[in-house]
Protein backbone atom coordinates (compact mmCIF):
# COMPACT_ATOMS: atom_id res chain seq x y z
CA MET A 1 -11.12 35.25 -16.84
CA VAL A 2 -7.78 35.84 -18.52
CA LEU A 3 -6.19 33.49 -16.01
CA SER A 4 -8.55 30.65 -16.87
CA VAL A 5 -7.80 31.06 -20.60
CA THR A 6 -4.06 31.10 -19.95
CA ASN A 7 -4.24 27.94 -17.85
CA ALA A 8 -6.54 26.10 -20.23
CA PRO A 9 -4.88 22.94 -21.64
CA THR A 10 -3.60 23.17 -25.20
CA GLU A 11 -4.57 20.69 -27.89
CA LYS A 12 -1.12 19.11 -27.56
CA GLN A 13 -1.63 18.62 -23.81
CA ILE A 14 -5.08 17.13 -24.29
CA LYS A 15 -3.71 14.65 -26.84
CA ALA A 16 -0.95 13.72 -24.38
CA ARG A 17 -3.42 12.67 -21.67
CA PRO A 18 -3.71 9.00 -22.76
CA ALA A 19 0.09 8.60 -22.76
CA ILE A 20 0.37 10.29 -19.37
CA GLN A 21 -2.39 8.09 -18.02
CA ILE A 22 -0.63 4.91 -19.19
CA TRP A 23 2.60 6.14 -17.61
CA LEU A 24 0.85 6.78 -14.27
CA PHE A 25 -0.83 3.37 -14.31
CA MET A 26 2.58 1.79 -14.95
CA ILE A 27 3.97 3.62 -11.92
CA CYS A 28 1.04 2.26 -9.89
CA ALA A 29 1.87 -1.25 -11.11
CA LEU A 30 5.49 -0.78 -10.02
CA ILE A 31 4.43 0.47 -6.59
CA PHE A 32 2.14 -2.56 -6.31
CA ALA A 33 5.14 -4.79 -7.08
CA MET A 34 7.16 -2.82 -4.53
CA VAL A 35 4.57 -3.55 -1.84
CA ILE A 36 4.69 -7.27 -2.65
CA VAL A 37 8.49 -7.41 -2.64
CA GLY A 38 8.50 -5.40 0.58
CA GLY A 39 6.12 -7.92 2.12
CA ALA A 40 8.36 -10.78 1.08
CA THR A 41 11.37 -8.95 2.50
CA ARG A 42 9.57 -8.58 5.80
CA LEU A 43 8.25 -12.14 5.95
CA THR A 44 11.64 -13.70 5.11
CA GLY A 45 13.40 -11.58 7.73
CA SER A 46 15.58 -9.99 5.05
CA GLY A 47 15.03 -6.31 5.74
CA LEU A 48 18.10 -5.83 7.95
CA SER A 49 20.56 -7.68 5.73
CA ILE A 50 21.88 -4.40 4.26
CA THR A 51 23.01 -2.24 7.16
CA GLU A 52 23.85 0.94 5.23
CA TRP A 53 21.88 3.46 3.23
CA LYS A 54 23.73 4.43 0.08
CA PRO A 55 21.13 5.73 -2.41
CA ILE A 56 23.56 5.86 -5.37
CA VAL A 57 26.46 3.42 -4.93
CA GLY A 58 24.19 1.01 -3.05
CA ALA A 59 22.58 0.13 -6.37
CA ILE A 60 25.64 -2.03 -7.12
CA PRO A 61 25.51 -5.38 -5.26
CA PRO A 62 28.60 -7.27 -4.10
CA LEU A 63 30.50 -8.39 -7.22
CA ASN A 64 33.11 -10.73 -5.74
CA ILE A 65 33.74 -12.85 -2.67
CA GLU A 66 35.60 -10.03 -0.93
CA ASP A 67 32.60 -7.71 -1.29
CA TRP A 68 30.25 -10.43 -0.03
CA ASN A 69 32.38 -11.05 3.03
CA LYS A 70 32.44 -7.32 3.84
CA ALA A 71 28.66 -7.10 3.62
CA PHE A 72 28.32 -10.24 5.73
CA GLU A 73 30.67 -8.91 8.40
CA LYS A 74 28.60 -5.74 8.71
CA TYR A 75 25.47 -7.84 9.15
CA LYS A 76 27.18 -9.85 11.88
CA GLN A 77 27.46 -6.70 13.99
CA ILE A 78 23.70 -6.16 14.44
CA PRO A 79 21.46 -7.83 17.08
CA GLN A 80 19.44 -9.82 14.52
CA TYR A 81 22.48 -11.88 13.57
CA LYS A 82 23.77 -12.25 17.12
CA GLU A 83 20.44 -13.29 18.65
CA ILE A 84 18.67 -15.09 15.80
CA ASN A 85 20.94 -15.94 12.87
CA GLU A 86 24.30 -16.57 14.49
CA GLY A 87 26.18 -19.24 12.60
CA MET A 88 24.37 -18.75 9.29
CA SER A 89 26.46 -19.44 6.20
CA LEU A 90 27.41 -16.95 3.52
CA ASP A 91 24.99 -18.61 1.11
CA GLU A 92 22.19 -18.21 3.65
CA PHE A 93 23.13 -14.56 4.03
CA LYS A 94 22.98 -14.11 0.27
CA SER A 95 19.42 -15.43 0.20
CA ILE A 96 18.20 -12.68 2.53
CA PHE A 97 20.50 -10.04 1.04
CA TRP A 98 18.96 -10.39 -2.41
CA TRP A 99 15.44 -9.78 -1.12
CA GLU A 100 16.44 -6.50 0.50
CA TRP A 101 18.65 -5.46 -2.42
CA GLY A 102 15.82 -6.21 -4.84
CA HIS A 103 13.44 -4.12 -2.75
CA ARG A 104 15.79 -1.15 -2.74
CA PHE A 105 16.68 -1.56 -6.42
CA LEU A 106 12.98 -1.55 -7.35
CA GLY A 107 12.58 1.66 -5.36
CA ARG A 108 15.39 3.28 -7.33
CA PHE A 109 13.90 2.01 -10.60
CA ILE A 110 10.51 3.51 -9.74
CA GLY A 111 12.17 6.85 -9.12
CA LEU A 112 13.75 6.78 -12.59
CA ALA A 113 10.59 5.43 -14.21
CA PHE A 114 8.73 8.40 -12.80
CA PHE A 115 11.24 11.21 -13.22
CA VAL A 116 12.51 10.55 -16.76
CA PRO A 117 9.07 10.49 -18.47
CA PHE A 118 7.93 13.39 -16.28
CA LEU A 119 10.93 15.41 -17.45
CA PHE A 120 10.12 14.54 -21.07
CA PHE A 121 6.47 15.55 -20.73
CA LEU A 122 7.53 18.74 -18.96
CA ILE A 123 10.19 19.80 -21.48
CA THR A 124 7.93 19.09 -24.45
CA LYS A 125 5.11 21.09 -22.80
CA ARG A 126 2.75 18.13 -22.69
CA VAL A 127 1.87 18.65 -19.01
CA GLU A 128 -1.06 20.97 -18.41
CA SER A 129 -0.75 23.52 -15.63
CA SER A 130 -3.21 21.80 -13.28
CA LEU A 131 -1.14 18.59 -13.33
CA LYS A 132 2.32 20.04 -12.68
CA PRO A 133 1.97 20.50 -8.90
CA LYS A 134 0.39 17.04 -8.64
CA PHE A 135 3.34 15.42 -10.41
CA TRP A 136 5.87 17.29 -8.30
CA LEU A 137 4.03 16.14 -5.19
CA MET A 138 4.24 12.55 -6.44
CA PHE A 139 7.97 12.90 -7.03
CA LEU A 140 8.62 14.40 -3.60
CA GLY A 141 6.45 11.70 -2.02
CA GLY A 142 8.61 9.04 -3.66
CA GLY A 143 11.76 10.63 -2.27
CA LEU A 144 10.23 10.83 1.19
CA GLN A 145 9.31 7.17 0.94
CA GLY A 146 12.94 6.23 0.42
CA PHE A 147 13.94 8.16 3.54
CA VAL A 148 11.15 6.60 5.61
CA GLY A 149 12.28 3.17 4.40
CA TRP A 150 15.77 3.75 5.76
CA TYR A 151 14.30 5.24 8.96
CA MET A 152 12.43 1.96 9.37
CA VAL A 153 15.50 -0.20 8.75
CA ALA A 154 17.57 1.88 11.18
CA SER A 155 15.20 0.94 14.01
CA GLY A 156 16.43 -2.67 13.83
CA LEU A 157 20.18 -2.10 13.68
CA THR A 158 21.05 -1.35 17.30
CA GLU A 159 18.76 -2.68 20.03
CA ARG A 160 16.04 -4.66 18.23
CA VAL A 161 16.19 -7.86 16.20
CA ASP A 162 13.56 -6.56 13.80
CA VAL A 163 12.20 -3.22 12.65
CA SER A 164 9.76 -1.13 14.67
CA GLN A 165 6.13 -1.92 13.85
CA TYR A 166 5.38 1.80 14.09
CA ARG A 167 7.95 2.64 11.41
CA LEU A 168 6.83 -0.33 9.31
CA ALA A 169 3.26 1.02 9.40
CA ALA A 170 4.51 4.48 8.40
CA HIS A 171 6.53 3.02 5.51
CA LEU A 172 3.66 0.94 4.17
CA GLY A 173 1.13 3.69 4.80
CA LEU A 174 3.11 6.23 2.79
CA ALA A 175 3.51 3.73 -0.08
CA VAL A 176 -0.23 3.12 -0.14
CA LEU A 177 -0.99 6.86 0.05
CA LEU A 178 1.35 7.49 -2.88
CA PHE A 179 -0.22 4.64 -4.86
CA SER A 180 -3.71 5.99 -4.11
CA TYR A 181 -2.91 9.53 -5.16
CA ILE A 182 -1.29 8.48 -8.45
CA PHE A 183 -4.13 6.05 -9.17
CA TRP A 184 -6.74 8.74 -8.43
CA VAL A 185 -5.11 11.24 -10.80
CA ALA A 186 -4.68 8.58 -13.50
CA ILE A 187 -8.35 7.58 -13.39
CA GLY A 188 -9.33 11.24 -13.73
CA LEU A 189 -7.39 11.51 -16.99
CA ARG A 190 -9.34 8.70 -18.63
CA ARG A 191 -12.65 10.44 -18.82
CA ASP A 192 -14.65 12.85 -20.61
CA ASP A 193 -17.23 13.14 -17.87
CA ASN A 194 -19.77 11.00 -19.75
CA ASN A 195 -18.16 7.97 -18.08
CA ALA A 196 -18.70 9.35 -14.60
CA VAL A 197 -21.78 8.94 -12.47
CA SER A 198 -23.74 12.16 -12.39
CA GLY A 199 -26.92 13.28 -10.78
CA GLY A 200 -26.79 16.01 -8.19
CA GLN A 201 -28.13 15.29 -4.73
CA LEU A 202 -28.26 11.51 -4.92
CA LYS A 203 -24.75 11.41 -6.33
CA ALA A 204 -23.57 13.35 -3.26
CA HIS A 205 -25.58 10.96 -1.11
CA LEU A 206 -23.60 8.01 -2.53
CA LYS A 207 -20.21 9.71 -2.48
CA SER A 208 -19.83 9.98 1.29
CA PRO A 209 -20.20 6.22 1.97
CA ALA A 210 -17.80 5.45 -0.90
CA TYR A 211 -15.18 7.80 0.53
CA PHE A 212 -15.75 6.38 4.00
CA ILE A 213 -15.17 2.85 2.69
CA THR A 214 -11.92 3.93 1.02
CA GLY A 215 -10.76 5.41 4.32
CA LEU A 216 -11.69 2.23 6.18
CA ILE A 217 -9.71 0.08 3.75
CA PHE A 218 -6.66 2.31 4.14
CA PHE A 219 -7.05 2.12 7.92
CA GLN A 220 -7.24 -1.67 7.66
CA ILE A 221 -4.03 -1.79 5.64
CA ILE A 222 -2.29 0.16 8.41
CA ALA A 223 -3.76 -2.25 10.98
CA GLY A 224 -2.38 -5.10 8.85
CA ALA A 225 1.06 -3.49 8.99
CA PHE A 226 0.98 -3.78 12.79
CA VAL A 227 -0.08 -7.43 12.44
CA ALA A 228 2.94 -8.01 10.18
CA GLY A 229 5.27 -5.96 12.37
CA LEU A 230 4.41 -8.00 15.47
CA LYS A 231 4.10 -11.29 13.57
CA ALA A 232 0.62 -11.43 15.09
CA GLY A 233 -0.61 -13.73 12.35
CA LYS A 234 1.57 -16.51 13.74
CA ALA A 235 -0.53 -16.63 16.92
CA HIS A 236 -4.22 -17.40 17.57
CA ASN A 237 -4.58 -19.34 14.33
CA THR A 238 -8.24 -20.20 14.74
CA TRP A 239 -11.38 -18.66 13.30
CA PRO A 240 -13.96 -17.31 14.07
CA LEU A 241 -12.90 -17.64 17.73
CA MET A 242 -9.68 -16.54 19.42
CA ASP A 243 -8.66 -18.60 22.43
CA GLY A 244 -12.13 -20.14 22.35
CA ARG A 245 -13.95 -16.79 22.50
CA PHE A 246 -15.21 -14.28 19.96
CA ILE A 247 -13.95 -11.50 22.25
CA PRO A 248 -10.91 -13.05 23.96
CA ASN A 249 -9.55 -12.22 27.38
CA GLY A 250 -6.33 -10.22 27.54
CA LEU A 251 -7.10 -7.40 25.13
CA ASP A 252 -6.21 -4.78 27.75
CA VAL A 253 -3.34 -6.29 29.73
CA MET A 254 -0.89 -3.50 28.87
CA THR A 255 -0.81 -0.11 30.52
CA PRO A 256 -1.46 2.51 29.44
CA PHE A 257 -4.33 1.05 27.43
CA TRP A 258 -3.29 2.56 24.08
CA LYS A 259 -0.23 0.29 23.99
CA ASN A 260 -2.52 -2.70 23.50
CA LEU A 261 -3.62 -1.24 20.17
CA PHE A 262 -0.09 -1.30 18.79
CA GLU A 263 1.99 -3.71 20.89
CA ASN A 264 -0.33 -6.44 22.19
CA VAL A 265 -0.30 -9.30 19.67
CA LEU A 266 -3.76 -10.47 20.73
CA THR A 267 -5.33 -7.01 20.48
CA VAL A 268 -3.66 -6.15 17.19
CA GLN A 269 -4.96 -9.30 15.51
CA PHE A 270 -8.41 -8.90 17.09
CA ASN A 271 -8.67 -5.34 15.79
CA HIS A 272 -7.65 -6.46 12.31
CA ARG A 273 -10.46 -9.01 12.34
CA MET A 274 -13.05 -6.56 13.62
CA ILE A 275 -12.19 -3.90 11.07
CA ALA A 276 -12.62 -6.53 8.33
CA TYR A 277 -16.13 -7.31 9.58
CA VAL A 278 -17.01 -3.61 9.70
CA ILE A 279 -15.77 -3.11 6.14
CA ALA A 280 -17.84 -6.07 4.91
CA ILE A 281 -21.01 -4.73 6.55
CA VAL A 282 -20.51 -1.17 5.30
CA VAL A 283 -19.72 -2.32 1.75
CA LEU A 284 -22.82 -4.55 1.70
CA LEU A 285 -25.02 -1.67 2.90
CA HIS A 286 -23.51 0.64 0.28
CA PHE A 287 -24.16 -1.93 -2.46
CA ILE A 288 -27.80 -2.14 -1.36
CA GLN A 289 -27.94 1.65 -1.29
CA CYS A 290 -26.78 1.79 -4.91
CA LEU A 291 -29.32 -0.86 -5.91
CA ILE A 292 -32.34 0.94 -4.44
CA SER A 293 -31.40 4.45 -5.57
CA LYS A 294 -34.23 5.66 -7.81
CA SER A 295 -33.61 9.27 -8.74
CA GLY A 296 -30.91 11.79 -9.46
CA LEU A 297 -28.49 9.29 -10.97
CA ALA A 298 -27.76 9.45 -14.70
CA ASN A 299 -25.72 6.25 -14.84
CA LYS A 300 -26.95 4.03 -12.05
CA GLY A 301 -25.43 0.92 -13.64
CA LEU A 302 -21.89 2.23 -13.20
CA ALA A 303 -22.50 2.90 -9.51
CA ILE A 304 -23.96 -0.59 -9.01
CA LYS A 305 -21.09 -2.17 -10.90
CA GLY A 306 -18.52 -0.35 -8.78
CA ALA A 307 -20.21 -1.22 -5.50
CA GLY A 308 -20.73 -4.82 -6.61
CA LEU A 309 -17.09 -5.32 -7.51
CA LEU A 310 -16.12 -3.73 -4.23
CA LEU A 311 -18.32 -6.19 -2.34
CA LEU A 312 -16.91 -9.14 -4.30
CA PHE A 313 -13.30 -8.12 -3.66
CA THR A 314 -14.04 -7.47 0.02
CA LEU A 315 -15.44 -10.96 0.57
CA ALA A 316 -12.57 -12.53 -1.38
CA GLN A 317 -10.00 -10.61 0.67
CA ILE A 318 -11.60 -11.65 3.96
CA ALA A 319 -11.73 -15.29 2.85
CA LEU A 320 -8.07 -15.15 1.82
CA GLY A 321 -7.15 -13.61 5.17
CA ILE A 322 -8.91 -16.39 7.05
CA VAL A 323 -7.18 -19.10 5.02
CA THR A 324 -3.82 -17.38 5.50
CA LEU A 325 -4.37 -17.29 9.26
CA LEU A 326 -5.49 -20.92 9.48
CA GLN A 327 -2.45 -22.04 7.47
CA PHE A 328 -0.08 -20.19 9.86
CA VAL A 329 0.81 -17.48 7.33
CA PRO A 330 2.76 -19.23 4.57
CA LEU A 331 4.74 -16.83 2.40
CA ASP A 332 2.68 -17.25 -0.77
CA LEU A 333 -0.71 -16.77 0.90
CA ALA A 334 0.56 -13.85 2.95
CA LEU A 335 1.74 -12.08 -0.21
CA TYR A 336 -1.56 -12.80 -1.98
CA HIS A 337 -3.35 -11.28 1.01
CA GLN A 338 -1.14 -8.20 1.00
CA GLY A 339 -1.58 -7.76 -2.74
CA GLY A 340 -5.32 -8.32 -2.35
CA ALA A 341 -5.49 -5.39 0.05
CA VAL A 342 -4.06 -3.05 -2.59
CA ILE A 343 -6.42 -4.46 -5.23
CA LEU A 344 -9.36 -3.91 -2.89
CA LEU A 345 -8.22 -0.34 -2.27
CA SER A 346 -7.93 0.19 -6.03
CA ALA A 347 -11.51 -1.01 -6.52
CA SER A 348 -12.68 1.41 -3.86
CA LEU A 349 -10.74 4.29 -5.40
CA TRP A 350 -12.16 3.49 -8.85
CA HIS A 351 -15.70 3.44 -7.47
CA SER A 352 -15.18 6.64 -5.49
CA ARG A 353 -13.60 8.40 -8.50
CA ASN A 354 -16.61 7.52 -10.65
CA LEU A 355 -18.92 9.06 -8.08
CA TYR A 356 -16.63 12.08 -7.74
CA GLY A 357 -16.58 12.89 -11.47
CA GLY A 358 -14.27 15.41 -13.10
CA CYS A 359 -10.52 15.29 -13.73
């Protein structure tokens, strides 16, 4: 009992919650921007333009022609230049360099944008005890993400002309996990629990499908990373059929079979399509479930609103994916689609958090 009193938030910490929440939402916005810039870096083939990992001094870009030539010469040593971009001009190199530099610079900026306010809140005793381990986990997750990013880039510097789709999926997956965790904690700070759905057994009955949907969307984002990593969106640009069939031939041509799931362009795109259909069906059923719920729910309207928005965003994301595919994946549509995936995940997290209740 003494422990619970000691760990209870002070009045100062309770008053600091809105400021902390705004700060966390800003970090989420920066991570969202990071995902978009990362997508552009991937789609423009810029990710291997910086061949070294220098977390501190690498923040300074080339400042004169000598520095630019040094950076360009290092790029000329890797397979991507020799097999794909041989003969490119310095100006062309600069165009891909700036995408990758911007991506890394944004990562460094996010680290500072997180750590400096966190340090302030910590020193001024505005962080309640229950939040401290969560914030440290966020900080360590950000550092790990930087390492995984370099681990991904390193896969394309020796034998490949691009990065490994496995490492790309790990890099994107960790970014999305970090975004989700920060977003989840931030939403929890906004409430006194009057804003949350309550109602015992039925509330628990609705929670499981909401959590399942969130997991499916995350799984789909990872599947999308394999599509991007293999450039699978550049092939089979028809819908709803692939090679004239709903279930095309050639899904299992690789051995062992599991390789098809991650390395067969046809199978990877097919799986991405199928998961989208499953998500749409499950979200629709969950929306109907919220509509027909009759007891045990204090704020049914909030549950319906969350499920309805989730259904709307799901259909919009699928439609955008189809258009992106049919247009042979232009940069702007591809980035809208990637951003739409994070927005859809956010809607699912918001809905799930409302059903979860509590801080």
